[in-house]
């Protein structure tokens, strides 16, 4: 390959800058000793700068995960539990913040500065206080072991290496700042997970909890993952990108080993089931009215007052920024909102605002239940085949445009055309009365009565499908396990 002298000179200069950065960073980022493990950890941050990072990122994380769960009793309970565990750690005085996120995902994580997060979906799955304490103690362990700092430093060095490689290959546009921020929520290594488990066991034992709760809850999370995969037609052991297991590659064997090998002088036996069940009683389960709710094949948003339905064979998934539905052979439906003010024709919006870089075919105006709209088509070619795209924009009012995207394998487009068109025309505004009548599902805690069975209580569940499987997973019941009179169980009800 022949490279011009100007390009070669430019790249050499850039490489000198990068190697200079590497040397400077090496000088500035002397390793820090983890107060929990005694190990040297590469770090750019002091405790003060970690607190600044945490405060900066906290609002972004809250927004990304659907906001804070607005229940003062639950918030106070989790903060108090977290404070007790943090007081047993090697960093008791950094000002810990424990937040319950308004998300039905089963997830938990921590960022620098003592910011720890659990979702209400994770809380719903836990059976007792000790299981929730095990999750929080594990996340505290990531903070005290300085794992986020190590990931940030590793990400930064890898980023500089990538920049150097990019220059040799003629690539441009890499940004140093991106590499520094990517470390916050990346996946932990197996060694880091084992270390956090060991520290979590330490903090559980110091506060009197049964350390086995960490292993029992991991088994419940695995059972829940397998159930969700079954519901959505995924492979049994598939790990979703935003799930707990995506960032925490743990196994029951490693957790059990951490419990066995942890240096514990005594282990408590506290479980705290009754108190925990009292906290869970009436907690929202599934979708929140402010985020929209899935009811079978229907998505209903009481606060924004709209609904639509998807065809049979499609599974709805609700995220803070969009609603999607996965169908056969990779077919997908996605709906999101544009809330910026817009006054104009919808065909103009479709071509020049939403898809201005996409060449659309067969653009036409439509009317959807009294709302002005427009639709157009496009096609893309990927390694796994040719796919057809159908864009639909529908304006509810000047500050809200519904944007529907239909993504279908070319071989299925004709077959699905009619049912997907019905999805478009199912989109409509709901009345104030219908909005008020659409209530979220909630967890109800009930004592098992004489004669109650799993099958009988499962039939009371308001979930759409897989009622008995969901009841068993929520209550930590394996196939074949039976109920006993007086046992407290969780039931999902209106």
Protein backbone atom coordinates (compact mmCIF):
# COMPACT_ATOMS: atom_id res chain seq x y z
CA UNK A 1 0.00 0.00 0.00
CA UNK A 2 1.32 3.47 -0.92
CA UNK A 3 0.53 6.25 1.58
CA UNK A 4 1.21 9.86 0.68
CA UNK A 5 3.82 11.70 2.74
CA UNK A 6 1.20 14.20 3.95
CA UNK A 7 -1.07 11.44 5.28
CA UNK A 8 1.89 9.57 6.75
CA UNK A 9 3.12 12.72 8.49
CA UNK A 10 -0.36 13.51 9.79
CA UNK A 11 -0.81 10.04 11.21
CA UNK A 12 2.62 9.99 12.78
CA UNK A 13 1.88 13.30 14.50
CA UNK A 14 -1.40 11.95 15.78
CA UNK A 15 0.26 8.79 17.05
CA UNK A 16 2.84 10.86 18.91
CA UNK A 17 -0.02 12.73 20.57
CA UNK A 18 -1.70 9.45 21.56
CA UNK A 19 1.48 7.95 22.97
CA UNK A 20 1.98 11.21 24.83
CA UNK A 21 -1.50 10.86 26.25
CA UNK A 22 -0.74 7.30 27.30
CA UNK A 23 2.39 8.41 29.14
CA UNK A 24 0.60 11.34 30.76
CA UNK A 25 -2.31 9.21 31.87
CA UNK A 26 0.07 6.57 33.21
CA UNK A 27 1.72 9.23 35.32
CA UNK A 28 -1.55 10.69 36.57
CA UNK A 29 -3.49 7.49 37.20
CA UNK A 30 -1.36 5.79 39.83
CA UNK A 31 -3.14 2.73 41.16
CA UNK A 32 -5.45 3.12 44.13
CA UNK A 33 -5.72 0.49 46.85
CA UNK A 34 -9.22 -0.89 47.29
CA UNK A 35 -10.20 -0.52 50.97
CA UNK A 36 -12.23 -3.73 50.71
CA UNK A 37 -9.77 -6.08 49.03
CA UNK A 38 -6.37 -4.48 49.61
CA UNK A 39 -5.64 -4.84 45.89
CA UNK A 40 -4.14 -2.16 43.67
CA UNK A 41 -6.73 -0.94 41.17
CA UNK A 42 -6.02 1.36 38.17
CA UNK A 43 -8.05 4.50 38.72
CA UNK A 44 -8.34 8.05 37.47
CA UNK A 45 -10.55 9.12 40.37
CA UNK A 46 -10.35 10.24 43.95
CA UNK A 47 -13.36 9.63 46.21
CA UNK A 48 -14.39 13.24 45.63
CA UNK A 49 -14.26 12.89 41.86
CA UNK A 50 -16.16 9.58 42.03
CA UNK A 51 -18.92 11.35 43.95
CA UNK A 52 -19.02 14.04 41.24
CA UNK A 53 -19.29 11.35 38.55
CA UNK A 54 -22.13 9.66 40.42
CA UNK A 55 -24.06 12.91 40.88
CA UNK A 56 -23.63 13.74 37.20
CA UNK A 57 -24.79 10.35 35.96
CA UNK A 58 -27.60 9.79 38.47
CA UNK A 59 -30.29 11.85 36.64
CA UNK A 60 -29.42 10.19 33.33
CA UNK A 61 -29.76 6.71 34.80
CA UNK A 62 -33.06 7.56 36.49
CA UNK A 63 -34.44 8.85 33.17
CA UNK A 64 -33.18 5.82 31.24
CA UNK A 65 -34.93 3.40 33.62
CA UNK A 66 -38.35 5.04 33.78
CA UNK A 67 -37.82 7.39 36.70
CA UNK A 68 -37.86 6.82 40.45
CA UNK A 69 -40.60 4.57 41.84
CA UNK A 70 -42.78 7.05 43.69
CA UNK A 71 -43.64 5.27 46.92
CA UNK A 72 -42.15 6.95 49.99
CA UNK A 73 -42.55 3.83 52.15
CA UNK A 74 -40.64 1.66 49.68
CA UNK A 75 -37.96 4.33 49.13
CA UNK A 76 -37.37 4.80 52.87
CA UNK A 77 -37.23 1.04 53.41
CA UNK A 78 -34.60 0.47 50.71
CA UNK A 79 -32.50 3.46 51.80
CA UNK A 80 -32.53 2.24 55.41
CA UNK A 81 -31.61 -1.31 54.37
CA UNK A 82 -28.82 0.00 52.16
CA UNK A 83 -27.50 2.25 54.93
CA UNK A 84 -27.24 -0.71 57.33
CA UNK A 85 -25.30 -2.75 54.79
CA UNK A 86 -23.07 0.18 53.77
CA UNK A 87 -22.27 0.82 57.45
CA UNK A 88 -20.81 -2.70 57.54
CA UNK A 89 -18.58 -1.98 54.53
CA UNK A 90 -15.12 -0.44 54.32
CA UNK A 91 -16.57 2.86 53.00
CA UNK A 92 -19.36 3.67 55.46
CA UNK A 93 -19.11 7.46 55.25
CA UNK A 94 -19.16 8.31 51.53
CA UNK A 95 -22.84 9.29 51.55
CA UNK A 96 -24.59 6.32 49.94
CA UNK A 97 -27.74 6.75 47.85
CA UNK A 98 -30.06 3.79 47.25
CA UNK A 99 -32.72 4.29 44.57
CA UNK A 100 -35.70 2.16 43.51
CA UNK A 101 -36.22 2.57 39.75
CA UNK A 102 -39.73 2.49 38.28
CA UNK A 103 -38.95 -0.36 35.90
CA UNK A 104 -40.39 -3.86 35.69
CA UNK A 105 -37.03 -5.17 34.47
CA UNK A 106 -35.21 -7.37 36.97
CA UNK A 107 -32.00 -5.42 37.42
CA UNK A 108 -29.59 -3.84 39.90
CA UNK A 109 -26.31 -1.98 39.52
CA UNK A 110 -24.04 0.60 41.10
CA UNK A 111 -21.96 3.52 39.87
CA UNK A 112 -19.07 5.41 41.49
CA UNK A 113 -19.76 7.62 44.48
CA UNK A 114 -22.01 5.18 46.33
CA UNK A 115 -25.04 5.27 44.02
CA UNK A 116 -26.85 1.91 44.06
CA UNK A 117 -30.00 1.07 42.08
CA UNK A 118 -32.58 -1.70 42.23
CA UNK A 119 -35.69 -1.93 40.06
CA UNK A 120 -39.17 -2.60 41.40
CA UNK A 121 -39.17 -5.61 39.07
CA UNK A 122 -36.27 -7.06 41.04
CA UNK A 123 -37.96 -6.28 44.35
CA UNK A 124 -41.12 -8.07 43.18
CA UNK A 125 -39.09 -11.21 42.53
CA UNK A 126 -37.33 -11.28 45.91
CA UNK A 127 -38.96 -13.45 48.58
CA UNK A 128 -37.61 -11.77 51.71
CA UNK A 129 -35.45 -8.95 52.99
CA UNK A 130 -32.34 -11.13 53.05
CA UNK A 131 -32.57 -11.76 49.29
CA UNK A 132 -32.86 -8.04 48.54
CA UNK A 133 -30.05 -7.38 51.03
CA UNK A 134 -27.89 -9.88 49.15
CA UNK A 135 -28.37 -7.95 45.89
CA UNK A 136 -27.62 -4.59 47.51
CA UNK A 137 -24.60 -5.98 49.41
CA UNK A 138 -23.24 -7.36 46.13
CA UNK A 139 -23.55 -3.92 44.49
CA UNK A 140 -21.92 -2.25 47.49
CA UNK A 141 -19.08 -4.72 46.96
CA UNK A 142 -18.59 -3.47 43.40
CA UNK A 143 -18.22 0.08 44.77
CA UNK A 144 -15.86 -0.75 47.65
CA UNK A 145 -13.71 -2.91 45.35
CA UNK A 146 -13.48 0.06 42.93
CA UNK A 147 -14.68 -2.05 40.00
CA UNK A 148 -16.22 0.87 38.11
CA UNK A 149 -12.98 2.82 38.38
CA UNK A 150 -11.07 -0.15 37.01
CA UNK A 151 -13.53 -0.52 34.12
CA UNK A 152 -13.26 3.18 33.28
CA UNK A 153 -9.48 3.03 33.26
CA UNK A 154 -9.49 -0.15 31.18
CA UNK A 155 -11.97 1.34 28.76
CA UNK A 156 -9.86 4.47 28.38
CA UNK A 157 -6.65 2.57 27.58
CA UNK A 158 -8.52 0.30 25.17
CA UNK A 159 -9.97 3.39 23.57
CA UNK A 160 -6.58 4.95 23.01
CA UNK A 161 -5.42 1.67 21.48
CA UNK A 162 -8.44 1.68 19.20
CA UNK A 163 -7.66 5.26 18.18
CA UNK A 164 -4.13 4.24 17.28
CA UNK A 165 -5.38 1.29 15.25
CA UNK A 166 -7.89 3.57 13.58
CA UNK A 167 -5.15 5.90 12.47
CA UNK A 168 -3.14 3.05 10.97
CA UNK A 169 -6.27 1.88 9.14
CA UNK A 170 -7.24 5.34 7.97
CA UNK A 171 -10.31 5.66 10.26
CA UNK A 172 -11.31 8.99 11.78
CA UNK A 173 -13.76 10.46 14.24
CA UNK A 174 -12.82 8.58 17.40
CA UNK A 175 -13.52 10.53 20.57
CA UNK A 176 -11.43 10.13 23.72
CA UNK A 177 -14.28 11.23 25.99
CA UNK A 178 -16.50 8.37 24.89
CA UNK A 179 -14.02 5.78 26.09
CA UNK A 180 -13.88 7.30 29.55
CA UNK A 181 -17.65 7.19 30.05
CA UNK A 182 -18.26 3.69 28.67
CA UNK A 183 -16.89 2.00 31.79
CA UNK A 184 -19.79 2.93 34.08
CA UNK A 185 -22.34 0.31 33.05
CA UNK A 186 -20.28 -2.23 31.13
CA UNK A 187 -20.27 -5.90 32.04
CA UNK A 188 -18.15 -6.98 34.99
CA UNK A 189 -15.54 -9.69 34.64
CA UNK A 190 -16.05 -13.05 36.32
CA UNK A 191 -13.28 -12.25 38.80
CA UNK A 192 -14.98 -8.97 39.68
CA UNK A 193 -18.31 -10.77 40.14
CA UNK A 194 -16.72 -13.30 42.46
CA UNK A 195 -15.05 -10.50 44.40
CA UNK A 196 -18.37 -8.62 44.76
CA UNK A 197 -20.08 -11.84 45.88
CA UNK A 198 -17.40 -12.43 48.52
CA UNK A 199 -17.71 -8.87 49.79
CA UNK A 200 -21.50 -9.08 49.70
CA UNK A 201 -21.37 -12.21 51.85
CA UNK A 202 -19.11 -10.32 54.27
CA UNK A 203 -21.59 -7.45 54.59
CA UNK A 204 -24.58 -9.80 54.93
CA UNK A 205 -22.91 -11.72 57.74
CA UNK A 206 -21.92 -8.53 59.56
CA UNK A 207 -25.56 -7.40 59.56
CA UNK A 208 -26.97 -10.76 60.67
CA UNK A 209 -28.57 -11.94 57.41
CA UNK A 210 -28.60 -15.50 56.15
CA UNK A 211 -25.85 -15.51 53.56
CA UNK A 212 -27.50 -18.35 51.60
CA UNK A 213 -30.11 -15.78 50.48
CA UNK A 214 -27.64 -14.58 47.85
CA UNK A 215 -27.64 -18.01 46.19
CA UNK A 216 -31.40 -18.61 46.51
CA UNK A 217 -32.18 -15.30 44.85
CA UNK A 218 -29.76 -15.94 42.00
CA UNK A 219 -31.66 -19.18 41.32
CA UNK A 220 -34.93 -17.20 41.22
CA UNK A 221 -33.48 -14.69 38.77
CA UNK A 222 -32.35 -17.54 36.54
CA UNK A 223 -35.83 -19.11 36.69
CA UNK A 224 -37.35 -15.75 35.80
CA UNK A 225 -34.98 -15.32 32.84
CA UNK A 226 -35.96 -18.74 31.52
CA UNK A 227 -39.67 -17.94 31.93
CA UNK A 228 -39.30 -14.63 30.07
CA UNK A 229 -37.45 -16.42 27.29
CA UNK A 230 -40.30 -18.92 27.07
CA UNK A 231 -42.91 -16.15 26.96
CA UNK A 232 -41.08 -14.32 24.17
CA UNK A 233 -40.09 -17.42 22.21
CA UNK A 234 -36.35 -17.02 22.80
CA UNK A 235 -33.78 -19.77 23.46
CA UNK A 236 -34.02 -20.99 27.06
CA UNK A 237 -30.70 -19.57 28.29
CA UNK A 238 -30.53 -16.40 26.16
CA UNK A 239 -29.37 -13.32 28.07
CA UNK A 240 -31.04 -10.07 27.06
CA UNK A 241 -28.81 -7.02 26.53
CA UNK A 242 -30.29 -4.89 29.33
CA UNK A 243 -30.81 -7.67 31.86
CA UNK A 244 -29.03 -8.25 35.17
CA UNK A 245 -27.11 -11.24 33.80
CA UNK A 246 -25.80 -9.19 30.86
CA UNK A 247 -23.72 -7.02 33.20
CA UNK A 248 -23.34 -9.60 36.01
CA UNK A 249 -22.03 -12.91 34.54
CA UNK A 250 -22.74 -14.98 37.68
CA UNK A 251 -23.55 -18.64 38.24
CA UNK A 252 -24.95 -20.47 41.27
CA UNK A 253 -21.69 -22.45 41.51
CA UNK A 254 -19.58 -19.29 41.80
CA UNK A 255 -21.95 -17.68 44.30
CA UNK A 256 -21.97 -20.83 46.45
CA UNK A 257 -18.17 -20.89 46.27
CA UNK A 258 -18.02 -17.24 47.35
CA UNK A 259 -20.24 -18.02 50.34
CA UNK A 260 -18.08 -21.02 51.25
CA UNK A 261 -14.75 -19.24 50.86
CA UNK A 262 -15.68 -15.90 52.43
CA UNK A 263 -13.89 -15.21 55.70
CA UNK A 264 -16.91 -15.28 58.00
CA UNK A 265 -16.63 -15.76 61.73
CA UNK A 266 -20.39 -16.20 62.09
CA UNK A 267 -23.40 -16.21 59.77
CA UNK A 268 -26.77 -14.87 60.81
CA UNK A 269 -30.13 -16.43 60.10
CA UNK A 270 -32.23 -13.32 59.52
CA UNK A 271 -34.59 -13.53 56.53
CA UNK A 272 -37.18 -10.83 57.27
CA UNK A 273 -39.98 -12.28 55.14
CA UNK A 274 -43.00 -10.81 56.96
CA UNK A 275 -41.65 -7.25 56.97
CA UNK A 276 -40.61 -7.55 53.34
CA UNK A 277 -43.97 -8.85 52.21
CA UNK A 278 -45.62 -5.90 53.94
CA UNK A 279 -43.43 -3.55 51.88
CA UNK A 280 -44.29 -5.39 48.65
CA UNK A 281 -48.04 -5.37 49.24
CA UNK A 282 -49.73 -3.13 46.64
CA UNK A 283 -46.51 -2.47 44.67
CA UNK A 284 -47.09 -1.92 40.95
CA UNK A 285 -46.31 -5.00 38.89
CA UNK A 286 -45.63 -4.74 35.17
CA UNK A 287 -46.38 -1.48 33.39
CA UNK A 288 -46.95 1.84 35.11
CA UNK A 289 -49.73 4.24 33.96
CA UNK A 290 -47.09 6.87 33.25
CA UNK A 291 -45.20 4.48 30.96
CA UNK A 292 -48.09 2.61 29.40
CA UNK A 293 -49.34 -0.91 30.05
CA UNK A 294 -49.50 -4.13 28.07
CA UNK A 295 -52.79 -6.00 28.17
CA UNK A 296 -52.60 -9.06 25.94
CA UNK A 297 -52.07 -7.80 22.38
CA UNK A 298 -53.00 -4.24 23.38
CA UNK A 299 -50.82 -1.38 24.53
CA UNK A 300 -52.69 1.26 26.54
CA UNK A 301 -51.26 4.55 27.79
CA UNK A 302 -53.75 6.09 30.26
CA UNK A 303 -51.79 9.31 30.83
CA UNK A 304 -51.21 10.06 27.14
CA UNK A 305 -54.65 8.61 26.33
CA UNK A 306 -53.98 6.32 23.38
CA UNK A 307 -53.94 2.63 22.59
CA UNK A 308 -53.12 0.25 19.75
CA UNK A 309 -52.97 -3.49 19.20
CA UNK A 310 -50.56 -5.88 17.49
CA UNK A 311 -51.30 -9.07 15.52
CA UNK A 312 -51.40 -12.59 16.94
CA UNK A 313 -47.91 -14.01 17.14
CA UNK A 314 -46.33 -10.67 18.15
CA UNK A 315 -45.10 -10.08 21.72
CA UNK A 316 -45.25 -6.53 23.07
CA UNK A 317 -42.28 -5.10 24.96
CA UNK A 318 -42.46 -1.70 26.69
CA UNK A 319 -39.36 0.45 27.19
CA UNK A 320 -39.11 4.03 28.52
CA UNK A 321 -38.50 5.46 25.03
CA UNK A 322 -40.52 3.15 22.78
CA UNK A 323 -42.92 0.24 22.53
CA UNK A 324 -41.96 -2.68 20.33
CA UNK A 325 -43.41 -6.03 19.35
CA UNK A 326 -41.38 -8.97 18.10
CA UNK A 327 -42.91 -11.31 15.54
CA UNK A 328 -42.07 -14.28 13.34
CA UNK A 329 -38.64 -14.59 11.72
CA UNK A 330 -37.38 -11.25 12.97
CA UNK A 331 -40.44 -9.18 12.06
CA UNK A 332 -40.73 -6.15 14.34
CA UNK A 333 -43.11 -3.31 15.13
CA UNK A 334 -41.92 -0.19 16.95
CA UNK A 335 -43.81 2.86 18.13
CA UNK A 336 -42.32 6.02 19.61
CA UNK A 337 -43.38 9.63 20.00
CA UNK A 338 -42.08 12.92 18.66
CA UNK A 339 -43.17 15.65 21.07
CA UNK A 340 -41.51 18.59 19.35
CA UNK A 341 -43.98 21.18 17.98
CA UNK A 342 -44.83 20.60 14.33
CA UNK A 343 -47.26 22.41 12.04
CA UNK A 344 -47.42 21.09 8.52
CA UNK A 345 -48.43 18.20 6.32
CA UNK A 346 -47.58 14.73 7.54
CA UNK A 347 -46.10 13.61 4.23
CA UNK A 348 -43.62 16.47 4.53
CA UNK A 349 -42.86 15.44 8.12
CA UNK A 350 -42.38 11.85 7.06
CA UNK A 351 -39.93 12.62 4.25
CA UNK A 352 -38.09 15.68 5.53
CA UNK A 353 -38.15 15.44 9.32
CA UNK A 354 -38.32 11.81 10.38
CA UNK A 355 -36.67 9.98 7.46
CA UNK A 356 -34.77 12.76 5.74
CA UNK A 357 -31.81 10.45 4.98
CA UNK A 358 -33.97 7.58 3.72
CA UNK A 359 -35.37 7.39 0.20
CA UNK A 360 -39.05 6.51 0.62
CA UNK A 361 -41.28 4.92 -2.00
CA UNK A 362 -45.06 5.16 -2.40
CA UNK A 363 -45.53 8.04 0.04
CA UNK A 364 -49.20 8.79 0.63
CA UNK A 365 -51.40 10.66 3.07
CA UNK A 366 -53.75 8.68 5.29
CA UNK A 367 -56.31 9.34 8.01
CA UNK A 368 -56.20 7.17 11.14
CA UNK A 369 -59.29 7.45 13.33
CA UNK A 370 -59.64 11.16 12.62
CA UNK A 371 -55.90 11.90 12.85
CA UNK A 372 -53.82 13.08 9.89
CA UNK A 373 -51.02 10.78 8.86
CA UNK A 374 -48.70 9.65 6.11
CA UNK A 375 -46.94 6.45 5.17
CA UNK A 376 -44.04 5.39 2.97
CA UNK A 377 -41.90 2.34 2.28
CA UNK A 378 -38.22 1.51 2.00
CA UNK A 379 -36.02 -1.57 1.76
CA UNK A 380 -32.73 -2.56 3.31
CA UNK A 381 -30.35 -5.42 2.60
CA UNK A 382 -28.51 -7.10 5.48
CA UNK A 383 -26.34 -10.17 5.84
CA UNK A 384 -29.38 -12.18 6.91
CA UNK A 385 -31.53 -11.11 3.97
CA UNK A 386 -33.68 -8.36 2.49
CA UNK A 387 -36.13 -6.53 4.77
CA UNK A 388 -39.01 -4.19 3.99
CA UNK A 389 -39.65 -1.09 6.08
CA UNK A 390 -42.98 0.67 6.40
CA UNK A 391 -42.96 4.11 8.06
CA UNK A 392 -46.21 5.56 9.42
CA UNK A 393 -46.49 9.01 11.03
CA UNK A 394 -49.78 10.03 12.68
CA UNK A 395 -50.35 13.39 14.37
CA UNK A 396 -52.53 13.40 17.48
CA UNK A 397 -51.96 17.14 18.05
CA UNK A 398 -49.32 19.78 17.39
CA UNK A 399 -46.95 18.44 20.06
CA UNK A 400 -47.42 14.70 19.59
CA UNK A 401 -46.74 12.59 16.52
CA UNK A 402 -46.95 8.80 16.68
CA UNK A 403 -44.19 7.12 14.68
CA UNK A 404 -44.80 3.51 13.72
CA UNK A 405 -42.09 1.46 12.03
CA UNK A 406 -42.85 -1.98 10.60
CA UNK A 407 -39.84 -4.18 9.84
CA UNK A 408 -40.52 -7.42 7.97
CA UNK A 409 -38.47 -10.03 6.10
CA UNK A 410 -39.23 -9.56 2.41
CA UNK A 411 -40.62 -13.09 2.12
CA UNK A 412 -43.24 -12.31 4.82
CA UNK A 413 -44.21 -8.77 3.80
CA UNK A 414 -47.22 -9.72 1.67
CA UNK A 415 -48.39 -12.29 4.18
CA UNK A 416 -48.26 -9.77 7.06
CA UNK A 417 -49.43 -6.70 5.13
CA UNK A 418 -53.10 -6.88 6.13
CA UNK A 419 -52.59 -7.58 9.84
CA UNK A 420 -49.93 -4.87 10.12
CA UNK A 421 -52.25 -2.41 8.42
CA UNK A 422 -54.81 -3.26 11.11
CA UNK A 423 -52.21 -2.32 13.71
CA UNK A 424 -51.91 1.13 12.14
CA UNK A 425 -55.66 1.65 12.16
CA UNK A 426 -56.02 0.32 15.71
CA UNK A 427 -54.17 3.42 16.93
CA UNK A 428 -56.68 5.77 18.51
CA UNK A 429 -57.26 8.27 21.31
CA UNK A 430 -59.07 6.88 24.35
CA UNK A 431 -61.65 8.71 26.43
CA UNK A 432 -60.98 10.09 29.90
CA UNK A 433 -63.32 7.43 31.29
CA UNK A 434 -61.40 4.59 29.62
CA UNK A 435 -58.11 6.06 30.80
CA UNK A 436 -59.37 6.26 34.39
CA UNK A 437 -60.63 2.67 34.21
CA UNK A 438 -57.23 1.34 33.08
CA UNK A 439 -55.44 0.57 36.31
CA UNK A 440 -52.01 -1.00 36.80
CA UNK A 441 -51.55 -4.51 38.11
CA UNK A 442 -50.34 -4.73 41.70
CA UNK A 443 -48.80 -7.32 43.98
CA UNK A 444 -51.18 -8.52 46.67
CA UNK A 445 -49.78 -10.48 49.60
CA UNK A 446 -52.10 -13.23 50.79
CA UNK A 447 -51.79 -15.99 53.39
CA UNK A 448 -52.46 -19.45 52.00
CA UNK A 449 -55.77 -20.82 53.24
CA UNK A 450 -56.62 -24.46 53.84
CA UNK A 451 -57.47 -26.01 50.49
CA UNK A 452 -55.53 -23.46 48.43
CA UNK A 453 -53.38 -24.93 45.68
CA UNK A 454 -50.91 -23.47 43.21
CA UNK A 455 -53.40 -24.03 40.40
CA UNK A 456 -56.22 -22.31 42.29
CA UNK A 457 -54.22 -19.22 43.26
CA UNK A 458 -52.66 -19.02 39.80
CA UNK A 459 -56.09 -18.67 38.25
CA UNK A 460 -56.53 -15.45 40.26
CA UNK A 461 -53.49 -13.88 38.58
CA UNK A 462 -54.32 -11.08 36.13
CA UNK A 463 -51.20 -11.63 34.01
CA UNK A 464 -51.89 -12.35 30.36
CA UNK A 465 -50.41 -15.83 29.95
CA UNK A 466 -48.32 -18.41 31.77
CA UNK A 467 -50.22 -17.77 35.00
CA UNK A 468 -49.01 -20.79 36.96
CA UNK A 469 -45.40 -20.42 35.79
CA UNK A 470 -45.43 -16.74 36.79
CA UNK A 471 -46.96 -17.56 40.19
CA UNK A 472 -44.28 -20.17 40.84
CA UNK A 473 -41.40 -17.88 39.82
CA UNK A 474 -42.74 -14.96 41.88
CA UNK A 475 -43.02 -17.18 44.94
CA UNK A 476 -39.84 -19.21 44.52
CA UNK A 477 -41.73 -22.46 43.93
CA UNK A 478 -40.10 -25.14 41.84
CA UNK A 479 -42.17 -27.55 39.75
CA UNK A 480 -43.87 -29.93 42.15
CA UNK A 481 -43.53 -27.68 45.22
CA UNK A 482 -46.79 -27.40 47.19
CA UNK A 483 -48.21 -24.67 49.41
CA UNK A 484 -48.70 -24.83 53.16
CA UNK A 485 -51.45 -23.13 55.16
CA UNK A 486 -50.38 -19.72 56.50
CA UNK A 487 -47.60 -19.27 53.95
CA UNK A 488 -47.45 -15.72 52.54
CA UNK A 489 -47.61 -15.63 48.74
CA UNK A 490 -47.64 -12.94 46.04
CA UNK A 491 -50.57 -12.73 43.65
CA UNK A 492 -50.85 -10.24 40.77
CA UNK A 493 -54.24 -8.49 40.79
CA UNK A 494 -55.94 -5.31 39.52
